[in-house]
Amino acid sequence: MPPQKYRQKRNFYHRRKVCRFCADTSIKIEYKESKTLRYFITERGKIIPRRISGTCAKHQRSLTVAIKQARTIALLPYVGTMDF
């Protein structure tokens, strides 16, 4: 049996995520703009958390409110496509 290889540690460089709305103040968070809100929901219809999307806490709160409002008036889905 060959000797066990040791796993080498790799140093990964993680690029810091920047809030899209803080960087570009011309983008507004509104429930009517479903195209911009679609970037922040998964294909299943769940809201993407801020640790993944990179938005700041202030904008994440307003994003969730806007997404929930858009869901209520059927601009965004509550549930994504169901594959059986």
N, C-alpha and C. Protein backbone atom coordinates (compact mmCIF):
# COMPACT_ATOMS: atom_id res chain seq x y z
N MET A 1 0.85 -1.18 0.00
CA MET A 1 0.00 0.00 0.00
C MET A 1 0.90 1.25 0.00
N PRO A 2 0.64 2.22 -0.90
CA PRO A 2 1.49 3.41 -0.96
C PRO A 2 1.29 4.29 0.28
N PRO A 3 2.32 5.07 0.63
CA PRO A 3 2.19 5.92 1.82
C PRO A 3 1.09 6.97 1.63
N GLN A 4 0.50 7.33 2.75
CA GLN A 4 -0.61 8.28 2.71
C GLN A 4 -0.09 9.68 2.38
N LYS A 5 -0.73 10.31 1.42
CA LYS A 5 -0.32 11.67 1.03
C LYS A 5 -0.92 12.66 2.02
N TYR A 6 -0.11 13.66 2.33
CA TYR A 6 -0.58 14.68 3.24
C TYR A 6 -1.29 15.77 2.45
N ARG A 7 -2.37 16.21 2.99
CA ARG A 7 -3.16 17.25 2.35
C ARG A 7 -2.51 18.60 2.59
N GLN A 8 -2.25 19.31 1.50
CA GLN A 8 -1.62 20.62 1.62
C GLN A 8 -2.68 21.68 1.86
N LYS A 9 -2.33 22.64 2.72
CA LYS A 9 -3.23 23.75 2.96
C LYS A 9 -3.06 24.76 1.84
N ARG A 10 -4.16 25.22 1.33
CA ARG A 10 -4.12 26.25 0.29
C ARG A 10 -4.69 27.53 0.86
N ASN A 11 -4.00 28.60 0.59
CA ASN A 11 -4.51 29.90 1.03
C ASN A 11 -5.37 30.48 -0.08
N PHE A 12 -6.65 30.61 0.21
CA PHE A 12 -7.57 31.19 -0.76
C PHE A 12 -7.75 32.67 -0.45
N TYR A 13 -7.81 33.45 -1.51
CA TYR A 13 -8.06 34.87 -1.36
C TYR A 13 -9.54 35.10 -1.61
N HIS A 14 -10.23 35.54 -0.58
CA HIS A 14 -11.65 35.83 -0.72
C HIS A 14 -11.84 37.32 -0.97
N ARG A 15 -12.43 37.62 -2.11
CA ARG A 15 -12.68 39.00 -2.45
C ARG A 15 -13.82 39.52 -1.59
N ARG A 16 -13.65 40.67 -1.01
CA ARG A 16 -14.66 41.24 -0.14
C ARG A 16 -15.88 41.65 -0.97
N LYS A 17 -17.05 41.25 -0.50
CA LYS A 17 -18.27 41.58 -1.22
C LYS A 17 -18.68 43.00 -0.88
N VAL A 18 -19.10 43.72 -1.89
CA VAL A 18 -19.50 45.11 -1.72
C VAL A 18 -20.98 45.22 -2.00
N CYS A 19 -21.66 46.01 -1.21
CA CYS A 19 -23.09 46.22 -1.40
C CYS A 19 -23.32 46.93 -2.73
N ARG A 20 -24.14 46.34 -3.58
CA ARG A 20 -24.42 46.89 -4.89
C ARG A 20 -25.14 48.24 -4.80
N PHE A 21 -25.97 48.38 -3.77
CA PHE A 21 -26.77 49.60 -3.63
C PHE A 21 -25.98 50.74 -3.00
N CYS A 22 -24.99 50.41 -2.18
CA CYS A 22 -24.12 51.45 -1.61
C CYS A 22 -23.13 51.95 -2.67
N ALA A 23 -22.67 51.04 -3.51
CA ALA A 23 -21.69 51.41 -4.53
C ALA A 23 -22.31 52.27 -5.62
N ASP A 24 -23.51 51.94 -6.03
CA ASP A 24 -24.20 52.68 -7.08
C ASP A 24 -25.51 53.21 -6.52
N THR A 25 -25.54 54.49 -6.18
CA THR A 25 -26.71 55.07 -5.53
C THR A 25 -27.88 55.29 -6.49
N SER A 26 -27.65 55.12 -7.79
CA SER A 26 -28.74 55.32 -8.75
C SER A 26 -29.71 54.13 -8.77
N ILE A 27 -29.27 52.97 -8.27
CA ILE A 27 -30.15 51.80 -8.20
C ILE A 27 -31.07 51.96 -7.00
N LYS A 28 -32.37 51.88 -7.23
CA LYS A 28 -33.33 52.01 -6.15
C LYS A 28 -34.01 50.68 -5.90
N ILE A 29 -34.30 50.43 -4.66
CA ILE A 29 -34.98 49.19 -4.29
C ILE A 29 -36.47 49.50 -4.24
N GLU A 30 -37.19 49.00 -5.24
CA GLU A 30 -38.64 49.17 -5.29
C GLU A 30 -39.28 47.84 -5.65
N TYR A 31 -40.45 47.62 -5.13
CA TYR A 31 -41.15 46.36 -5.41
C TYR A 31 -41.57 46.26 -6.87
N LYS A 32 -41.68 47.39 -7.55
CA LYS A 32 -42.12 47.40 -8.95
C LYS A 32 -41.04 46.91 -9.91
N GLU A 33 -39.78 47.01 -9.51
CA GLU A 33 -38.67 46.62 -10.37
C GLU A 33 -38.31 45.15 -10.12
N SER A 34 -39.07 44.28 -10.73
CA SER A 34 -38.87 42.85 -10.47
C SER A 34 -37.59 42.32 -11.09
N LYS A 35 -37.09 42.98 -12.13
CA LYS A 35 -35.83 42.51 -12.74
C LYS A 35 -34.67 42.64 -11.78
N THR A 36 -34.58 43.73 -11.05
CA THR A 36 -33.48 43.88 -10.10
C THR A 36 -33.67 42.98 -8.88
N LEU A 37 -34.92 42.74 -8.51
CA LEU A 37 -35.17 41.89 -7.34
C LEU A 37 -34.91 40.42 -7.64
N ARG A 38 -34.99 40.01 -8.91
CA ARG A 38 -34.76 38.61 -9.27
C ARG A 38 -33.33 38.14 -8.98
N TYR A 39 -32.37 39.08 -8.96
CA TYR A 39 -30.99 38.72 -8.65
C TYR A 39 -30.84 38.27 -7.19
N PHE A 40 -31.80 38.63 -6.37
CA PHE A 40 -31.69 38.36 -4.94
C PHE A 40 -32.61 37.26 -4.46
N ILE A 41 -33.19 36.48 -5.39
CA ILE A 41 -33.94 35.30 -5.00
C ILE A 41 -33.39 34.10 -5.79
N THR A 42 -33.49 32.93 -5.20
CA THR A 42 -33.01 31.72 -5.86
C THR A 42 -34.04 31.24 -6.87
N GLU A 43 -33.69 30.19 -7.61
CA GLU A 43 -34.63 29.63 -8.58
C GLU A 43 -35.81 28.97 -7.88
N ARG A 44 -35.64 28.66 -6.61
CA ARG A 44 -36.74 28.11 -5.81
C ARG A 44 -37.64 29.19 -5.22
N GLY A 45 -37.21 30.45 -5.31
CA GLY A 45 -38.01 31.56 -4.81
C GLY A 45 -37.61 32.06 -3.44
N LYS A 46 -36.52 31.52 -2.89
CA LYS A 46 -36.06 31.96 -1.57
C LYS A 46 -35.22 33.22 -1.69
N ILE A 47 -35.23 34.05 -0.66
CA ILE A 47 -34.42 35.26 -0.63
C ILE A 47 -32.99 34.88 -0.28
N ILE A 48 -32.04 35.38 -1.06
CA ILE A 48 -30.62 35.07 -0.83
C ILE A 48 -30.12 35.86 0.38
N PRO A 49 -29.46 35.21 1.34
CA PRO A 49 -28.98 35.91 2.53
C PRO A 49 -27.84 36.88 2.21
N ARG A 50 -27.64 37.83 3.09
CA ARG A 50 -26.67 38.88 2.81
C ARG A 50 -25.23 38.40 2.86
N ARG A 51 -24.93 37.33 3.56
CA ARG A 51 -23.57 36.82 3.56
C ARG A 51 -23.19 36.26 2.20
N ILE A 52 -24.18 35.88 1.41
CA ILE A 52 -23.92 35.38 0.07
C ILE A 52 -24.03 36.50 -0.96
N SER A 53 -25.08 37.32 -0.84
CA SER A 53 -25.29 38.37 -1.84
C SER A 53 -24.33 39.55 -1.66
N GLY A 54 -23.90 39.82 -0.43
CA GLY A 54 -22.95 40.89 -0.20
C GLY A 54 -23.58 42.24 0.10
N THR A 55 -24.90 42.30 0.23
CA THR A 55 -25.54 43.57 0.54
C THR A 55 -25.37 43.91 2.01
N CYS A 56 -25.42 45.20 2.32
CA CYS A 56 -25.29 45.63 3.71
C CYS A 56 -26.62 45.38 4.44
N ALA A 57 -26.63 45.51 5.75
CA ALA A 57 -27.81 45.18 6.55
C ALA A 57 -28.98 46.10 6.23
N LYS A 58 -28.69 47.36 6.04
CA LYS A 58 -29.74 48.35 5.75
C LYS A 58 -30.45 48.02 4.44
N HIS A 59 -29.68 47.73 3.40
CA HIS A 59 -30.27 47.45 2.11
C HIS A 59 -30.89 46.05 2.06
N GLN A 60 -30.37 45.11 2.83
CA GLN A 60 -30.96 43.78 2.87
C GLN A 60 -32.35 43.83 3.48
N ARG A 61 -32.53 44.65 4.51
CA ARG A 61 -33.86 44.80 5.11
C ARG A 61 -34.85 45.37 4.12
N SER A 62 -34.44 46.41 3.38
CA SER A 62 -35.36 47.00 2.41
C SER A 62 -35.58 46.07 1.22
N LEU A 63 -34.58 45.25 0.89
CA LEU A 63 -34.74 44.26 -0.17
C LEU A 63 -35.80 43.22 0.19
N THR A 64 -35.74 42.71 1.42
CA THR A 64 -36.71 41.69 1.82
C THR A 64 -38.13 42.25 1.83
N VAL A 65 -38.28 43.49 2.27
CA VAL A 65 -39.61 44.11 2.26
C VAL A 65 -40.11 44.25 0.82
N ALA A 66 -39.23 44.69 -0.08
CA ALA A 66 -39.62 44.88 -1.48
C ALA A 66 -39.95 43.54 -2.15
N ILE A 67 -39.18 42.50 -1.84
CA ILE A 67 -39.45 41.18 -2.42
C ILE A 67 -40.78 40.64 -1.92
N LYS A 68 -41.05 40.83 -0.63
CA LYS A 68 -42.32 40.36 -0.08
C LYS A 68 -43.51 41.12 -0.65
N GLN A 69 -43.34 42.41 -0.89
CA GLN A 69 -44.40 43.20 -1.52
C GLN A 69 -44.63 42.75 -2.95
N ALA A 70 -43.54 42.49 -3.68
CA ALA A 70 -43.66 42.04 -5.06
C ALA A 70 -44.30 40.66 -5.14
N ARG A 71 -44.06 39.81 -4.15
CA ARG A 71 -44.70 38.50 -4.11
C ARG A 71 -46.20 38.64 -3.88
N THR A 72 -46.57 39.59 -3.03
CA THR A 72 -47.98 39.78 -2.69
C THR A 72 -48.81 40.17 -3.90
N ILE A 73 -48.24 41.02 -4.77
CA ILE A 73 -49.00 41.44 -5.95
C ILE A 73 -48.59 40.63 -7.19
N ALA A 74 -47.97 39.50 -6.97
CA ALA A 74 -47.66 38.49 -8.00
C ALA A 74 -46.68 38.97 -9.07
N LEU A 75 -45.73 39.82 -8.71
CA LEU A 75 -44.65 40.16 -9.63
C LEU A 75 -43.51 39.16 -9.51
N LEU A 76 -43.35 38.58 -8.32
CA LEU A 76 -42.34 37.55 -8.07
C LEU A 76 -43.03 36.31 -7.51
N PRO A 77 -42.46 35.14 -7.75
CA PRO A 77 -43.10 33.92 -7.25
C PRO A 77 -42.78 33.66 -5.78
N TYR A 78 -43.73 33.06 -5.07
CA TYR A 78 -43.46 32.57 -3.72
C TYR A 78 -42.61 31.31 -3.81
N VAL A 79 -42.92 30.48 -4.80
CA VAL A 79 -42.22 29.21 -5.00
C VAL A 79 -41.75 29.16 -6.44
N GLY A 80 -40.55 28.65 -6.64
CA GLY A 80 -40.01 28.52 -7.98
C GLY A 80 -40.69 27.38 -8.73
N THR A 81 -40.10 26.99 -9.84
CA THR A 81 -40.68 25.91 -10.62
C THR A 81 -40.49 24.59 -9.89
N MET A 82 -41.51 23.79 -9.92
CA MET A 82 -41.46 22.49 -9.26
C MET A 82 -41.18 21.43 -10.31
N ASP A 83 -40.06 20.73 -10.17
CA ASP A 83 -39.69 19.67 -11.10
C ASP A 83 -39.99 18.31 -10.47
N PHE A 84 -40.86 17.57 -11.10
CA PHE A 84 -41.19 16.24 -10.59
C PHE A 84 -40.67 15.19 -11.50
